Amino acid sequence: MSTATKVRCGSPYLLVQSVLFDNDRRRVVSVAAEQLGEKMASLAEQGQTISDALDELLTRSWG
């Protein structure tokens, strides 16, 4: 499996540094903060970059 997003049964699976993550929105939103473990990183300072990338993606999709 590559580092790209894989889709199986409608749920995206992500491979990050050889660890497979199930990115199913239904399960992600239902996890209690206490179960998440130690904070690894923050995207707080990347908000504008993320917003710009989403804008570009959506603009290209719906032009």
PDB file of N, CA and C in Angstrom:
ATOM      1  N   MET A   1       0.854  -1.180   0.000  1.00  0.00           N
ATOM      2  CA  MET A   1       0.000   0.000   0.000  1.00  0.00           C
ATOM      3  C   MET A   1       0.896   1.237   0.000  1.00  0.00           C
ATOM      4  N   SER A   2       0.608   2.194  -0.822  1.00  0.00           N
ATOM      5  CA  SER A   2       1.400   3.417  -0.883  1.00  0.00           C
ATOM      6  C   SER A   2       0.955   4.389   0.202  1.00  0.00           C
ATOM      7  N   THR A   3       1.610   5.542   0.249  1.00  0.00           N
ATOM      8  CA  THR A   3       1.225   6.557   1.227  1.00  0.00           C
ATOM      9  C   THR A   3      -0.023   7.304   0.805  1.00  0.00           C
ATOM     10  N   ALA A   4      -0.514   7.042  -0.390  1.00  0.00           N
ATOM     11  CA  ALA A   4      -1.735   7.696  -0.867  1.00  0.00           C
ATOM     12  C   ALA A   4      -2.958   7.121  -0.164  1.00  0.00           C
ATOM     13  N   THR A   5      -4.039   7.862  -0.211  1.00  0.00           N
ATOM     14  CA  THR A   5      -5.288   7.411   0.396  1.00  0.00           C
ATOM     15  C   THR A   5      -5.819   6.201  -0.364  1.00  0.00           C
ATOM     16  N   LYS A   6      -6.188   5.175   0.368  1.00  0.00           N
ATOM     17  CA  LYS A   6      -6.821   3.996  -0.210  1.00  0.00           C
ATOM     18  C   LYS A   6      -8.270   3.977   0.242  1.00  0.00           C
ATOM     19  N   VAL A   7      -9.145   3.477  -0.605  1.00  0.00           N
ATOM     20  CA  VAL A   7     -10.556   3.400  -0.255  1.00  0.00           C
ATOM     21  C   VAL A   7     -10.968   1.932  -0.259  1.00  0.00           C
ATOM     22  N   ARG A   8     -11.598   1.500   0.829  1.00  0.00           N
ATOM     23  CA  ARG A   8     -12.094   0.139   0.932  1.00  0.00           C
ATOM     24  C   ARG A   8     -13.455   0.195   1.601  1.00  0.00           C
ATOM     25  N   CYS A   9     -14.433  -0.385   0.997  1.00  0.00           N
ATOM     26  CA  CYS A   9     -15.805  -0.395   1.535  1.00  0.00           C
ATOM     27  C   CYS A   9     -16.308   1.015   1.806  1.00  0.00           C
ATOM     28  N   GLY A  10     -15.903   1.987   1.015  1.00  0.00           N
ATOM     29  CA  GLY A  10     -16.394   3.344   1.165  1.00  0.00           C
ATOM     30  C   GLY A  10     -15.694   4.170   2.230  1.00  0.00           C
ATOM     31  N   SER A  11     -14.773   3.591   2.979  1.00  0.00           N
ATOM     32  CA  SER A  11     -14.065   4.339   4.019  1.00  0.00           C
ATOM     33  C   SER A  11     -12.610   4.546   3.605  1.00  0.00           C
ATOM     34  N   PRO A  12     -12.105   5.768   3.754  1.00  0.00           N
ATOM     35  CA  PRO A  12     -10.702   5.989   3.400  1.00  0.00           C
ATOM     36  C   PRO A  12      -9.764   5.435   4.471  1.00  0.00           C
ATOM     37  N   TYR A  13      -8.726   4.767   4.030  1.00  0.00           N
ATOM     38  CA  TYR A  13      -7.677   4.289   4.923  1.00  0.00           C
ATOM     39  C   TYR A  13      -6.411   5.037   4.564  1.00  0.00           C
ATOM     40  N   LEU A  14      -5.717   5.566   5.546  1.00  0.00           N
ATOM     41  CA  LEU A  14      -4.510   6.330   5.316  1.00  0.00           C
ATOM     42  C   LEU A  14      -3.315   5.582   5.886  1.00  0.00           C
ATOM     43  N   LEU A  15      -2.226   5.531   5.150  1.00  0.00           N
ATOM     44  CA  LEU A  15      -0.993   4.929   5.620  1.00  0.00           C
ATOM     45  C   LEU A  15      -0.016   6.054   5.898  1.00  0.00           C
ATOM     46  N   VAL A  16       0.343   6.228   7.169  1.00  0.00           N
ATOM     47  CA  VAL A  16       1.244   7.299   7.577  1.00  0.00           C
ATOM     48  C   VAL A  16       2.384   6.675   8.356  1.00  0.00           C
ATOM     49  N   GLN A  17       3.597   6.807   7.839  1.00  0.00           N
ATOM     50  CA  GLN A  17       4.788   6.255   8.469  1.00  0.00           C
ATOM     51  C   GLN A  17       4.571   4.801   8.874  1.00  0.00           C
ATOM     52  N   SER A  18       4.089   4.007   7.937  1.00  0.00           N
ATOM     53  CA  SER A  18       3.859   2.567   8.098  1.00  0.00           C
ATOM     54  C   SER A  18       2.766   2.213   9.102  1.00  0.00           C
ATOM     55  N   VAL A  19       1.936   3.175   9.499  1.00  0.00           N
ATOM     56  CA  VAL A  19       0.811   2.914  10.398  1.00  0.00           C
ATOM     57  C   VAL A  19      -0.473   3.162   9.614  1.00  0.00           C
ATOM     58  N   LEU A  20      -1.368   2.172   9.598  1.00  0.00           N
ATOM     59  CA  LEU A  20      -2.620   2.284   8.872  1.00  0.00           C
ATOM     60  C   LEU A  20      -3.688   2.908   9.755  1.00  0.00           C
ATOM     61  N   PHE A  21      -4.327   3.973   9.270  1.00  0.00           N
ATOM     62  CA  PHE A  21      -5.372   4.667  10.003  1.00  0.00           C
ATOM     63  C   PHE A  21      -6.683   4.554   9.244  1.00  0.00           C
ATOM     64  N   ASP A  22      -7.750   4.260   9.961  1.00  0.00           N
ATOM     65  CA  ASP A  22      -9.092   4.240   9.391  1.00  0.00           C
ATOM     66  C   ASP A  22      -9.670   5.625   9.603  1.00  0.00           C
ATOM     67  N   ASN A  23      -9.883   6.358   8.531  1.00  0.00           N
ATOM     68  CA  ASN A  23     -10.347   7.734   8.613  1.00  0.00           C
ATOM     69  C   ASN A  23     -11.855   7.825   8.383  1.00  0.00           C
ATOM     70  N   ASP A  24     -12.600   6.874   8.911  1.00  0.00           N
ATOM     71  CA  ASP A  24     -14.056   6.862   8.776  1.00  0.00           C
ATOM     72  C   ASP A  24     -14.639   7.971   9.648  1.00  0.00           C
ATOM     73  N   ARG A  25     -15.304   8.944   9.030  1.00  0.00           N
ATOM     74  CA  ARG A  25     -15.831  10.103   9.758  1.00  0.00           C
ATOM     75  C   ARG A  25     -16.750   9.695  10.902  1.00  0.00           C
ATOM     76  N   ARG A  26     -17.502   8.637  10.722  1.00  0.00           N
ATOM     77  CA  ARG A  26     -18.441   8.229  11.780  1.00  0.00           C
ATOM     78  C   ARG A  26     -17.713   7.801  13.048  1.00  0.00           C
ATOM     79  N   ARG A  27     -16.546   7.222  12.887  1.00  0.00           N
ATOM     80  CA  ARG A  27     -15.780   6.805  14.068  1.00  0.00           C
ATOM     81  C   ARG A  27     -14.908   7.929  14.607  1.00  0.00           C
ATOM     82  N   VAL A  28     -14.381   8.767  13.730  1.00  0.00           N
ATOM     83  CA  VAL A  28     -13.497   9.848  14.156  1.00  0.00           C
ATOM     84  C   VAL A  28     -14.239  10.836  15.047  1.00  0.00           C
ATOM     85  N   VAL A  29     -15.447  11.213  14.683  1.00  0.00           N
ATOM     86  CA  VAL A  29     -16.184  12.206  15.464  1.00  0.00           C
ATOM     87  C   VAL A  29     -16.726  11.647  16.770  1.00  0.00           C
ATOM     88  N   SER A  30     -16.716  10.327  16.929  1.00  0.00           N
ATOM     89  CA  SER A  30     -17.281   9.757  18.142  1.00  0.00           C
ATOM     90  C   SER A  30     -16.223   9.331  19.163  1.00  0.00           C
ATOM     91  N   VAL A  31     -14.985   9.720  18.951  1.00  0.00           N
ATOM     92  CA  VAL A  31     -13.910   9.371  19.873  1.00  0.00           C
ATOM     93  C   VAL A  31     -13.783  10.456  20.935  1.00  0.00           C
ATOM     94  N   ALA A  32     -13.786  10.039  22.200  1.00  0.00           N
ATOM     95  CA  ALA A  32     -13.607  10.992  23.298  1.00  0.00           C
ATOM     96  C   ALA A  32     -12.171  11.518  23.297  1.00  0.00           C
ATOM     97  N   ALA A  33     -12.000  12.771  23.635  1.00  0.00           N
ATOM     98  CA  ALA A  33     -10.673  13.394  23.643  1.00  0.00           C
ATOM     99  C   ALA A  33      -9.702  12.622  24.532  1.00  0.00           C
ATOM    100  N   GLU A  34     -10.193  12.046  25.612  1.00  0.00           N
ATOM    101  CA  GLU A  34      -9.343  11.297  26.534  1.00  0.00           C
ATOM    102  C   GLU A  34      -8.756  10.038  25.885  1.00  0.00           C
ATOM    103  N   GLN A  35      -9.384   9.549  24.843  1.00  0.00           N
ATOM    104  CA  GLN A  35      -8.935   8.335  24.168  1.00  0.00           C
ATOM    105  C   GLN A  35      -7.903   8.615  23.074  1.00  0.00           C
ATOM    106  N   LEU A  36      -7.663   9.859  22.754  1.00  0.00           N
ATOM    107  CA  LEU A  36      -6.790  10.195  21.640  1.00  0.00           C
ATOM    108  C   LEU A  36      -5.309  10.018  21.943  1.00  0.00           C
ATOM    109  N   GLY A  37      -4.936  10.070  23.190  1.00  0.00           N
ATOM    110  CA  GLY A  37      -3.521   9.927  23.525  1.00  0.00           C
ATOM    111  C   GLY A  37      -2.784  11.244  23.439  1.00  0.00           C
ATOM    112  N   GLU A  38      -1.468  11.140  23.442  1.00  0.00           N
ATOM    113  CA  GLU A  38      -0.608  12.321  23.459  1.00  0.00           C
ATOM    114  C   GLU A  38      -0.708  13.102  22.148  1.00  0.00           C
ATOM    115  N   LYS A  39      -0.758  14.422  22.266  1.00  0.00           N
ATOM    116  CA  LYS A  39      -0.797  15.303  21.103  1.00  0.00           C
ATOM    117  C   LYS A  39       0.534  15.190  20.358  1.00  0.00           C
ATOM    118  N   MET A  40       0.448  14.967  19.050  1.00  0.00           N
ATOM    119  CA  MET A  40       1.661  14.784  18.251  1.00  0.00           C
ATOM    120  C   MET A  40       2.078  16.062  17.533  1.00  0.00           C
ATOM    121  N   ALA A  41       1.098  16.853  17.118  1.00  0.00           N
ATOM    122  CA  ALA A  41       1.389  18.070  16.370  1.00  0.00           C
ATOM    123  C   ALA A  41       0.144  18.937  16.350  1.00  0.00           C
ATOM    124  N   SER A  42       0.311  20.171  15.911  1.00  0.00           N
ATOM    125  CA  SER A  42      -0.811  21.087  15.800  1.00  0.00           C
ATOM    126  C   SER A  42      -0.814  21.717  14.412  1.00  0.00           C
ATOM    127  N   LEU A  43      -2.011  21.889  13.883  1.00  0.00           N
ATOM    128  CA  LEU A  43      -2.167  22.565  12.600  1.00  0.00           C
ATOM    129  C   LEU A  43      -2.646  23.999  12.782  1.00  0.00           C
ATOM    130  N   ALA A  44      -2.617  24.481  14.019  1.00  0.00           N
ATOM    131  CA  ALA A  44      -3.156  25.800  14.330  1.00  0.00           C
ATOM    132  C   ALA A  44      -2.550  26.907  13.470  1.00  0.00           C
ATOM    133  N   GLU A  45      -1.269  26.833  13.206  1.00  0.00           N
ATOM    134  CA  GLU A  45      -0.613  27.881  12.417  1.00  0.00           C
ATOM    135  C   GLU A  45      -0.745  27.651  10.915  1.00  0.00           C
ATOM    136  N   GLN A  46      -1.369  26.560  10.511  1.00  0.00           N
ATOM    137  CA  GLN A  46      -1.513  26.230   9.097  1.00  0.00           C
ATOM    138  C   GLN A  46      -2.918  26.505   8.565  1.00  0.00           C
ATOM    139  N   GLY A  47      -3.743  27.167   9.339  1.00  0.00           N
ATOM    140  CA  GLY A  47      -5.132  27.394   8.969  1.00  0.00           C
ATOM    141  C   GLY A  47      -5.322  28.034   7.607  1.00  0.00           C
ATOM    142  N   GLN A  48      -4.576  29.070   7.318  1.00  0.00           N
ATOM    143  CA  GLN A  48      -4.727  29.753   6.033  1.00  0.00           C
ATOM    144  C   GLN A  48      -4.264  28.883   4.877  1.00  0.00           C
ATOM    145  N   THR A  49      -3.183  28.142   5.082  1.00  0.00           N
ATOM    146  CA  THR A  49      -2.682  27.243   4.048  1.00  0.00           C
ATOM    147  C   THR A  49      -3.704  26.151   3.738  1.00  0.00           C
ATOM    148  N   ILE A  50      -4.307  25.594   4.778  1.00  0.00           N
ATOM    149  CA  ILE A  50      -5.328  24.560   4.602  1.00  0.00           C
ATOM    150  C   ILE A  50      -6.544  25.142   3.894  1.00  0.00           C
ATOM    151  N   SER A  51      -6.962  26.325   4.324  1.00  0.00           N
ATOM    152  CA  SER A  51      -8.106  26.985   3.695  1.00  0.00           C
ATOM    153  C   SER A  51      -7.843  27.270   2.221  1.00  0.00           C
ATOM    154  N   ASP A  52      -6.652  27.738   1.900  1.00  0.00           N
ATOM    155  CA  ASP A  52      -6.290  28.014   0.504  1.00  0.00           C
ATOM    156  C   ASP A  52      -6.303  26.733  -0.334  1.00  0.00           C
ATOM    157  N   ALA A  53      -5.789  25.639   0.236  1.00  0.00           N
ATOM    158  CA  ALA A  53      -5.763  24.366  -0.494  1.00  0.00           C
ATOM    159  C   ALA A  53      -7.179  23.861  -0.750  1.00  0.00           C
ATOM    160  N   LEU A  54      -8.048  23.967   0.248  1.00  0.00           N
ATOM    161  CA  LEU A  54      -9.438  23.549   0.065  1.00  0.00           C
ATOM    162  C   LEU A  54     -10.140  24.422  -0.969  1.00  0.00           C
ATOM    163  N   ASP A  55      -9.871  25.723  -0.930  1.00  0.00           N
ATOM    164  CA  ASP A  55     -10.460  26.635  -1.908  1.00  0.00           C
ATOM    165  C   ASP A  55     -10.034  26.251  -3.321  1.00  0.00           C
ATOM    166  N   GLU A  56      -8.762  25.960  -3.488  1.00  0.00           N
ATOM    167  CA  GLU A  56      -8.270  25.567  -4.808  1.00  0.00           C
ATOM    168  C   GLU A  56      -8.889  24.245  -5.252  1.00  0.00           C
ATOM    169  N   LEU A  57      -8.983  23.305  -4.349  1.00  0.00           N
ATOM    170  CA  LEU A  57      -9.591  22.006  -4.670  1.00  0.00           C
ATOM    171  C   LEU A  57     -11.046  22.168  -5.091  1.00  0.00           C
ATOM    172  N   LEU A  58     -11.804  22.927  -4.309  1.00  0.00           N
ATOM    173  CA  LEU A  58     -13.226  23.097  -4.607  1.00  0.00           C
ATOM    174  C   LEU A  58     -13.453  23.931  -5.851  1.00  0.00           C
ATOM    175  N   THR A  59     -12.595  24.912  -6.081  1.00  0.00           N
ATOM    176  CA  THR A  59     -12.710  25.741  -7.280  1.00  0.00           C
ATOM    177  C   THR A  59     -12.485  24.909  -8.528  1.00  0.00           C
ATOM    178  N   ARG A  60     -11.521  24.020  -8.479  1.00  0.00           N
ATOM    179  CA  ARG A  60     -11.251  23.148  -9.628  1.00  0.00           C
ATOM    180  C   ARG A  60     -12.348  22.127  -9.828  1.00  0.00           C
ATOM    181  N   SER A  61     -12.961  21.688  -8.740  1.00  0.00           N
ATOM    182  CA  SER A  61     -14.013  20.679  -8.831  1.00  0.00           C
ATOM    183  C   SER A  61     -15.302  21.240  -9.403  1.00  0.00           C
ATOM    184  N   TRP A  62     -15.678  22.429  -8.954  1.00  0.00           N
ATOM    185  CA  TRP A  62     -16.971  23.002  -9.357  1.00  0.00           C
ATOM    186  C   TRP A  62     -16.813  24.275 -10.175  1.00  0.00           C
ATOM    187  N   GLY A  63     -15.568  24.627 -10.495  1.00  0.00           N
ATOM    188  CA  GLY A  63     -15.189  25.701 -11.350  1.00  0.00           C
ATOM    189  C   GLY A  63     -16.004  26.910 -11.375  1.00  0.00           C
TER     190      GLY A  63
END
